[in-house]
Amino acid sequence: MNTTDVMQSAPGISEVPNMSSLQLKTSALKQRLSVLQKKFEVSMEELRTEIDTFKERIETFDTKVNVRSNNKTGDEGYMTEELKVLQDGLSQLAKHYTDSITELKAEISSLKQAVRELETEEGQTKTNSEEGACAGSNSLSFKRNLTSVLEAVGPSTTAKRSYSTEGCADTKTAKRKYIASDKGAGPSKTLIVEPPDSDDEKNSKNNTSPGFDTDENGYVHVYTDGACENNGRVGARAGIGVWFADNHPLNYSERVRGRLTNNTAEIKAATCAIELAKKAGVRKLLLHTDSQFLISCITVWIHKWKQNGWKLSDGGQVKNKEDLIELDQALEGISVKWDHVRGHRGNLGNEMADSLARAGARMQY
């Protein structure tokens, strides 16, 4: 949904005097967000009612089964049919949750992100900061949108380099810049990744930002996904989704530019998640993805590709070279563990990341 659609769905917004274009867009987004939040609450209440109803039906069925078993009588065919009705009903309930509520939550997260971006853009326009104001939300590239979110999180607390997917250590203490861009994907943005200025900050407790879910070893959980309609064909639309937790401020959804394939989106989603986490001070990240291709690329194949000039076994060039180099650079200063999850199997984090990715693919440039 673009900001024009939002403004059209919020009657009266365009008639408010003395408001800038950005303020109008922000106000419209906030109104739409409020409506969606109310719809979500209603949907959750309906779901609770459905669950309670099925509990009663299952308990009744269980009683019938026990009675017939004790009496050694009853129609086996009838009971089987009744069981099938219950199973079908539960399947429909699960589909309602994954297709409706999950989609609604993703849209709410997407709108919240749009509000934050517009507010940041408005602030940059007013102050004419040295970094420059954004020209407009529809003209922002993937990287400039992501940078806007990173700047809103706060100053970096990234430690010196300690990247290794296999647990090995490598360090660099010098400050370092890198430019992340896509050929033909619009303007690039220089991101600066710096080590902390003091030993106290370097030794500070890991993952202290609020709202993160961590494992027993202090690794922050994050789920990423990439989606692409008409994968690799004319008219393709791709998006990324990053999900840390319910209503987490770093949840992210974005449309992908450049080469539009599922694999490209999966790689970019992981890069985005890592950069967001680092900017928030996270030093240990457990990244869950349903892309075994992504995990194999960054933990196994990339080491060989670096040595042989990024060539495949058949002599061809690695198609996602630039995206993988960007991901490899993002891994500096953070310890990342990779976890493969099965997609579309009811895993909440994976479902939410998938919904955010599909929402991103529907966004306007």
Protein backbone atom coordinates (compact mmCIF):
# COMPACT_ATOMS: atom_id res chain seq x y z
CA MET A 1 0.00 0.00 0.00
CA ASN A 2 1.51 3.40 -0.96
CA THR A 3 0.94 6.69 0.87
CA THR A 4 -1.52 7.89 -1.78
CA ASP A 5 -3.75 4.89 -1.10
CA VAL A 6 -3.56 5.59 2.62
CA MET A 7 -4.52 9.24 2.21
CA GLN A 8 -7.51 8.30 0.05
CA SER A 9 -8.69 5.88 2.75
CA ALA A 10 -8.58 8.58 5.45
CA PRO A 11 -11.42 11.06 4.71
CA GLY A 12 -10.78 14.68 5.59
CA ILE A 13 -7.01 14.46 5.84
CA SER A 14 -6.39 16.37 2.61
CA GLU A 15 -8.58 19.24 3.84
CA VAL A 16 -6.48 20.07 6.92
CA PRO A 17 -4.87 23.52 6.42
CA ASN A 18 -1.24 24.51 7.12
CA MET A 19 0.15 20.97 6.93
CA SER A 20 3.10 19.91 4.81
CA SER A 21 2.83 17.02 2.38
CA LEU A 22 4.87 14.82 4.71
CA GLN A 23 2.68 15.75 7.69
CA LEU A 24 -0.43 14.86 5.70
CA LYS A 25 1.03 11.48 4.75
CA THR A 26 2.07 10.78 8.33
CA SER A 27 -1.34 11.74 9.71
CA ALA A 28 -3.07 9.52 7.14
CA LEU A 29 -0.80 6.59 7.98
CA LYS A 30 -1.46 6.97 11.69
CA GLN A 31 -5.23 6.95 11.12
CA ARG A 32 -4.98 3.83 8.97
CA LEU A 33 -2.77 2.19 11.59
CA SER A 34 -5.36 2.87 14.29
CA VAL A 35 -8.08 1.23 12.17
CA LEU A 36 -5.90 -1.82 11.52
CA GLN A 37 -5.06 -2.22 15.20
CA LYS A 38 -8.76 -2.27 16.06
CA LYS A 39 -9.41 -4.85 13.33
CA PHE A 40 -6.60 -6.97 14.72
CA GLU A 41 -8.08 -6.87 18.22
CA VAL A 42 -11.46 -7.95 16.84
CA SER A 43 -9.83 -10.79 14.88
CA MET A 44 -8.01 -12.03 17.98
CA GLU A 45 -11.25 -12.03 19.95
CA GLU A 46 -12.97 -14.01 17.19
CA LEU A 47 -10.09 -16.47 17.21
CA ARG A 48 -10.36 -16.96 20.98
CA THR A 49 -14.09 -17.62 20.59
CA GLU A 50 -13.45 -20.17 17.83
CA ILE A 51 -10.83 -21.93 19.96
CA ASP A 52 -13.20 -22.14 22.95
CA THR A 53 -15.91 -23.55 20.68
CA PHE A 54 -13.58 -26.24 19.35
CA LYS A 55 -12.48 -27.13 22.88
CA GLU A 56 -16.09 -27.86 23.78
CA ARG A 57 -16.66 -29.87 20.60
CA ILE A 58 -13.51 -31.94 21.14
CA GLU A 59 -14.41 -32.62 24.78
CA THR A 60 -17.88 -33.74 23.68
CA PHE A 61 -16.38 -36.00 21.02
CA ASP A 62 -13.93 -37.44 23.55
CA THR A 63 -16.81 -38.27 25.89
CA LYS A 64 -18.67 -40.06 23.09
CA VAL A 65 -15.58 -42.09 22.21
CA ASN A 66 -15.09 -43.18 25.82
CA VAL A 67 -18.75 -44.13 26.26
CA ARG A 68 -18.84 -46.19 23.06
CA SER A 69 -15.53 -47.82 23.94
CA ASN A 70 -16.73 -48.85 27.40
CA ASN A 71 -20.01 -50.22 26.03
CA LYS A 72 -18.22 -51.80 23.07
CA THR A 73 -20.97 -50.48 20.83
CA GLY A 74 -21.36 -47.77 18.30
CA ASP A 75 -21.05 -46.92 14.69
CA GLU A 76 -17.36 -46.78 13.76
CA GLY A 77 -18.16 -45.04 10.47
CA TYR A 78 -20.16 -42.30 12.19
CA MET A 79 -17.37 -41.59 14.66
CA THR A 80 -14.79 -41.48 11.88
CA GLU A 81 -16.90 -38.99 9.95
CA GLU A 82 -17.37 -36.81 13.03
CA LEU A 83 -13.63 -36.87 13.65
CA LYS A 84 -13.02 -35.74 10.06
CA VAL A 85 -15.40 -32.81 10.57
CA LEU A 86 -13.41 -31.74 13.62
CA GLN A 87 -10.11 -32.07 11.76
CA ASP A 88 -11.40 -30.02 8.83
CA GLY A 89 -12.68 -27.36 11.18
CA LEU A 90 -9.34 -27.08 12.95
CA SER A 91 -7.57 -26.82 9.59
CA GLN A 92 -9.82 -23.94 8.59
CA LEU A 93 -9.14 -22.25 11.92
CA ALA A 94 -5.38 -22.57 11.39
CA LYS A 95 -5.75 -21.17 7.86
CA HIS A 96 -7.73 -18.23 9.23
CA TYR A 97 -4.88 -17.47 11.63
CA THR A 98 -2.03 -17.77 9.13
CA ASP A 99 -3.77 -16.11 6.17
CA SER A 100 -5.75 -13.38 7.92
CA ILE A 101 -4.31 -12.48 11.31
CA THR A 102 -0.68 -12.94 10.27
CA GLU A 103 -1.29 -10.81 7.18
CA LEU A 104 -2.95 -8.13 9.30
CA LYS A 105 -0.05 -8.05 11.76
CA ALA A 106 2.39 -7.71 8.88
CA GLU A 107 0.41 -4.78 7.48
CA ILE A 108 0.41 -3.09 10.89
CA SER A 109 4.18 -3.54 11.17
CA SER A 110 4.61 -2.19 7.65
CA LEU A 111 2.52 0.88 8.41
CA LYS A 112 4.40 1.53 11.65
CA GLN A 113 7.63 1.41 9.68
CA ALA A 114 6.21 3.84 7.10
CA VAL A 115 5.22 6.26 9.89
CA ARG A 116 8.74 6.17 11.35
CA GLU A 117 10.29 6.76 7.92
CA LEU A 118 8.03 9.72 7.18
CA GLU A 119 8.67 11.26 10.60
CA THR A 120 12.42 10.84 10.08
CA GLU A 121 12.12 12.37 6.61
CA GLU A 122 10.16 15.33 8.00
CA GLY A 123 12.77 15.93 10.67
CA GLN A 124 15.58 15.81 8.12
CA THR A 125 13.75 18.26 5.87
CA LYS A 126 13.28 20.79 8.69
CA THR A 127 16.87 20.69 9.96
CA ASN A 128 18.61 20.44 6.53
CA SER A 129 21.13 18.07 8.08
CA GLU A 130 24.48 17.51 6.42
CA GLU A 131 23.44 14.05 5.34
CA GLY A 132 20.70 15.66 3.25
CA ALA A 133 16.95 15.38 3.26
CA CYS A 134 15.13 12.58 1.50
CA ALA A 135 13.56 13.67 -1.78
CA GLY A 136 10.37 11.63 -1.34
CA SER A 137 9.26 8.24 -0.11
CA ASN A 138 8.51 6.85 -3.58
CA SER A 139 12.01 7.72 -4.88
CA LEU A 140 14.00 6.14 -2.06
CA SER A 141 16.17 3.17 -2.95
CA PHE A 142 16.33 0.00 -0.88
CA LYS A 143 19.56 1.11 0.79
CA ARG A 144 18.38 4.64 1.60
CA ASN A 145 15.22 3.31 3.21
CA LEU A 146 17.24 0.89 5.33
CA THR A 147 19.70 3.62 6.33
CA SER A 148 16.79 5.80 7.47
CA VAL A 149 15.72 3.06 9.87
CA LEU A 150 19.28 2.53 11.11
CA GLU A 151 19.69 6.23 11.85
CA ALA A 152 16.42 6.24 13.79
CA VAL A 153 17.61 3.44 16.07
CA GLY A 154 20.50 5.44 17.55
CA PRO A 155 24.30 5.51 17.59
CA SER A 156 26.23 2.37 16.79
CA THR A 157 27.72 0.26 19.56
CA THR A 158 29.29 -2.25 17.21
CA ALA A 159 32.36 -4.06 18.58
CA LYS A 160 35.55 -4.79 16.68
CA ARG A 161 35.36 -7.43 13.99
CA SER A 162 34.60 -10.93 15.22
CA TYR A 163 32.76 -12.51 12.29
CA SER A 164 32.87 -16.21 11.72
CA THR A 165 30.04 -18.59 10.94
CA GLU A 166 32.25 -21.44 12.13
CA GLY A 167 33.23 -19.88 15.46
CA CYS A 168 36.70 -18.68 14.36
CA ALA A 169 37.88 -15.18 15.27
CA ASP A 170 39.32 -12.38 13.18
CA THR A 171 39.74 -8.80 14.27
CA LYS A 172 40.19 -5.36 12.75
CA THR A 173 40.45 -2.26 14.92
CA ALA A 174 40.59 0.40 12.21
CA LYS A 175 37.49 2.35 11.28
CA ARG A 176 36.06 1.17 8.01
CA LYS A 177 33.63 2.39 5.36
CA TYR A 178 31.90 0.43 2.68
CA ILE A 179 29.47 1.38 -0.06
CA ALA A 180 26.52 -0.92 -0.59
CA SER A 181 24.74 -0.53 -3.91
CA ASP A 182 22.94 -2.40 -6.68
CA LYS A 183 23.73 -1.83 -10.34
CA GLY A 184 20.79 0.00 -11.77
CA ALA A 185 19.06 0.05 -8.41
CA GLY A 186 19.12 3.80 -7.84
CA PRO A 187 21.39 5.93 -5.62
CA SER A 188 23.70 4.18 -3.17
CA LYS A 189 24.29 5.08 0.45
CA THR A 190 27.57 4.97 2.32
CA LEU A 191 27.25 3.16 5.63
CA ILE A 192 29.91 3.66 8.31
CA VAL A 193 30.62 0.80 10.69
CA GLU A 194 32.90 1.89 13.53
CA PRO A 195 34.28 0.10 16.60
CA PRO A 196 33.44 1.57 20.02
CA ASP A 197 35.61 4.38 21.38
CA SER A 198 36.41 2.82 24.75
CA ASP A 199 37.14 -0.50 26.40
CA ASP A 200 34.17 0.04 28.73
CA GLU A 201 31.79 0.24 25.79
CA LYS A 202 33.54 -2.67 24.08
CA ASN A 203 33.10 -4.83 27.16
CA SER A 204 29.53 -3.74 27.89
CA LYS A 205 26.85 -6.39 28.30
CA ASN A 206 25.67 -7.87 25.02
CA ASN A 207 22.15 -7.38 23.64
CA THR A 208 20.88 -4.91 26.23
CA SER A 209 18.31 -3.28 23.95
CA PRO A 210 14.73 -3.94 25.11
CA GLY A 211 12.29 -6.21 23.34
CA PHE A 212 14.73 -8.80 22.02
CA ASP A 213 14.14 -12.54 22.44
CA THR A 214 17.38 -14.40 23.19
CA ASP A 215 18.46 -18.01 23.53
CA GLU A 216 20.29 -19.46 26.54
CA ASN A 217 23.62 -18.22 25.16
CA GLY A 218 22.49 -14.64 24.68
CA TYR A 219 21.97 -14.81 20.91
CA VAL A 220 19.13 -12.57 19.72
CA HIS A 221 16.51 -14.37 17.63
CA VAL A 222 15.59 -12.86 14.27
CA TYR A 223 13.63 -14.34 11.38
CA THR A 224 14.20 -13.27 7.78
CA ASP A 225 12.52 -14.12 4.51
CA GLY A 226 12.50 -13.04 0.88
CA ALA A 227 9.55 -13.19 -1.49
CA CYS A 228 9.36 -12.79 -5.25
CA GLU A 229 6.33 -12.83 -7.53
CA ASN A 230 7.08 -13.97 -11.11
CA ASN A 231 10.52 -15.05 -9.90
CA GLY A 232 13.23 -13.99 -12.36
CA ARG A 233 10.72 -13.03 -15.08
CA VAL A 234 9.44 -9.79 -16.58
CA GLY A 235 7.16 -8.03 -14.13
CA ALA A 236 8.75 -9.63 -11.08
CA ARG A 237 8.28 -7.94 -7.71
CA ALA A 238 10.44 -8.91 -4.75
CA GLY A 239 10.40 -7.95 -1.09
CA ILE A 240 12.21 -8.66 2.17
CA GLY A 241 10.91 -9.27 5.67
CA VAL A 242 12.77 -9.04 9.00
CA TRP A 243 10.96 -10.00 12.21
CA PHE A 244 12.46 -9.79 15.72
CA ALA A 245 9.29 -10.02 17.85
CA ASP A 246 5.69 -8.83 18.02
CA ASN A 247 5.51 -5.04 17.62
CA HIS A 248 9.31 -4.75 17.71
CA PRO A 249 10.56 -1.38 16.37
CA LEU A 250 13.15 -3.10 14.17
CA ASN A 251 10.66 -5.28 12.28
CA TYR A 252 11.20 -4.34 8.65
CA SER A 253 9.55 -4.70 5.26
CA GLU A 254 10.90 -3.37 1.97
CA ARG A 255 10.59 -3.82 -1.77
CA VAL A 256 13.77 -5.03 -3.49
CA ARG A 257 15.42 -3.27 -6.40
CA GLY A 258 17.91 -4.64 -8.91
CA ARG A 259 17.95 -8.34 -9.77
CA LEU A 260 14.55 -9.68 -8.74
CA THR A 261 14.67 -13.31 -7.62
CA ASN A 262 13.83 -15.25 -4.47
CA ASN A 263 17.51 -15.86 -3.76
CA THR A 264 18.39 -12.18 -4.08
CA ALA A 265 15.60 -11.29 -1.67
CA GLU A 266 16.71 -13.94 0.84
CA ILE A 267 20.28 -12.59 0.86
CA LYS A 268 19.17 -8.96 1.15
CA ALA A 269 16.80 -9.83 4.01
CA ALA A 270 19.65 -11.38 5.98
CA THR A 271 21.90 -8.38 5.31
CA CYS A 272 19.16 -6.03 6.45
CA ALA A 273 18.57 -7.98 9.67
CA ILE A 274 22.26 -8.01 10.55
CA GLU A 275 22.70 -4.28 9.92
CA LEU A 276 19.63 -3.44 11.98
CA ALA A 277 20.82 -5.64 14.83
CA LYS A 278 24.34 -4.16 14.83
CA LYS A 279 23.02 -0.61 14.90
CA ALA A 280 20.90 -1.54 17.94
CA GLY A 281 23.99 -2.82 19.77
CA VAL A 282 23.40 -6.53 19.22
CA ARG A 283 26.65 -8.50 19.09
CA LYS A 284 25.30 -12.05 18.93
CA LEU A 285 22.55 -12.96 16.48
CA LEU A 286 20.71 -16.21 15.78
CA LEU A 287 19.28 -15.81 12.29
CA HIS A 288 16.44 -18.15 11.31
CA THR A 289 15.73 -18.57 7.60
CA ASP A 290 13.93 -21.09 5.41
CA SER A 291 16.55 -20.64 2.67
CA GLN A 292 19.13 -23.41 2.71
CA PHE A 293 20.64 -21.71 -0.34
CA LEU A 294 21.42 -18.63 1.75
CA ILE A 295 22.99 -20.65 4.57
CA SER A 296 25.11 -22.72 2.18
CA CYS A 297 26.26 -19.60 0.34
CA ILE A 298 27.48 -17.74 3.42
CA THR A 299 28.81 -20.65 5.49
CA VAL A 300 30.30 -22.96 2.84
CA TRP A 301 30.46 -21.83 -0.77
CA ILE A 302 31.59 -18.22 -0.27
CA HIS A 303 35.03 -19.30 0.99
CA LYS A 304 35.73 -21.18 -2.26
CA TRP A 305 34.27 -18.40 -4.42
CA LYS A 306 36.57 -15.82 -2.85
CA GLN A 307 39.56 -17.96 -3.77
CA ASN A 308 38.58 -18.85 -7.35
CA GLY A 309 37.38 -15.43 -8.50
CA TRP A 310 33.67 -16.04 -7.83
CA LYS A 311 33.24 -18.82 -10.36
CA LEU A 312 30.88 -21.78 -10.21
CA SER A 313 32.05 -25.35 -10.74
CA ASP A 314 30.92 -25.14 -14.39
CA GLY A 315 33.00 -22.00 -14.93
CA GLY A 316 30.08 -19.58 -14.82
CA GLN A 317 29.95 -16.48 -12.65
CA VAL A 318 28.17 -16.45 -9.28
CA LYS A 319 24.97 -14.54 -10.02
CA ASN A 320 24.55 -13.10 -6.53
CA LYS A 321 28.18 -12.02 -6.11
CA GLU A 322 27.52 -8.37 -5.19
CA ASP A 323 24.74 -9.25 -2.75
CA LEU A 324 26.90 -11.88 -1.04
CA ILE A 325 29.86 -9.49 -0.76
CA GLU A 326 27.53 -7.00 0.91
CA LEU A 327 26.29 -9.69 3.30
CA ASP A 328 29.85 -10.80 4.05
CA GLN A 329 30.80 -7.21 4.91
CA ALA A 330 27.75 -6.81 7.13
CA LEU A 331 28.94 -9.78 9.20
CA GLU A 332 31.93 -7.79 10.46
CA GLY A 333 31.60 -6.90 14.14
CA ILE A 334 28.91 -9.43 15.01
CA SER A 335 28.74 -13.15 15.75
CA VAL A 336 25.99 -14.81 13.71
CA LYS A 337 24.60 -18.33 14.00
CA TRP A 338 22.43 -19.61 11.16
CA ASP A 339 19.38 -21.81 11.67
CA HIS A 340 17.37 -23.43 8.89
CA VAL A 341 13.62 -23.60 9.51
CA ARG A 342 11.03 -25.26 7.31
CA GLY A 343 8.93 -22.66 5.57
CA HIS A 344 5.16 -22.43 5.81
CA ARG A 345 4.92 -25.00 8.59
CA GLY A 346 3.28 -22.83 11.26
CA ASN A 347 6.48 -21.34 12.73
CA LEU A 348 5.32 -17.91 13.93
CA GLY A 349 8.60 -16.11 13.28
CA ASN A 350 8.91 -17.56 9.80
CA GLU A 351 5.28 -16.81 8.98
CA MET A 352 5.66 -13.21 10.15
CA ALA A 353 8.86 -12.67 8.16
CA ASP A 354 7.16 -14.20 5.11
CA SER A 355 4.17 -11.86 5.48
CA LEU A 356 6.47 -8.85 5.81
CA ALA A 357 8.38 -9.94 2.70
CA ARG A 358 5.18 -10.34 0.67
CA ALA A 359 3.98 -6.96 1.93
CA GLY A 360 7.31 -5.48 0.85
CA ALA A 361 6.92 -6.88 -2.66
CA ARG A 362 3.59 -5.06 -2.94
CA MET A 363 5.07 -1.68 -1.94
CA GLN A 364 5.64 1.12 -4.44
CA TYR A 365 9.17 2.31 -5.22
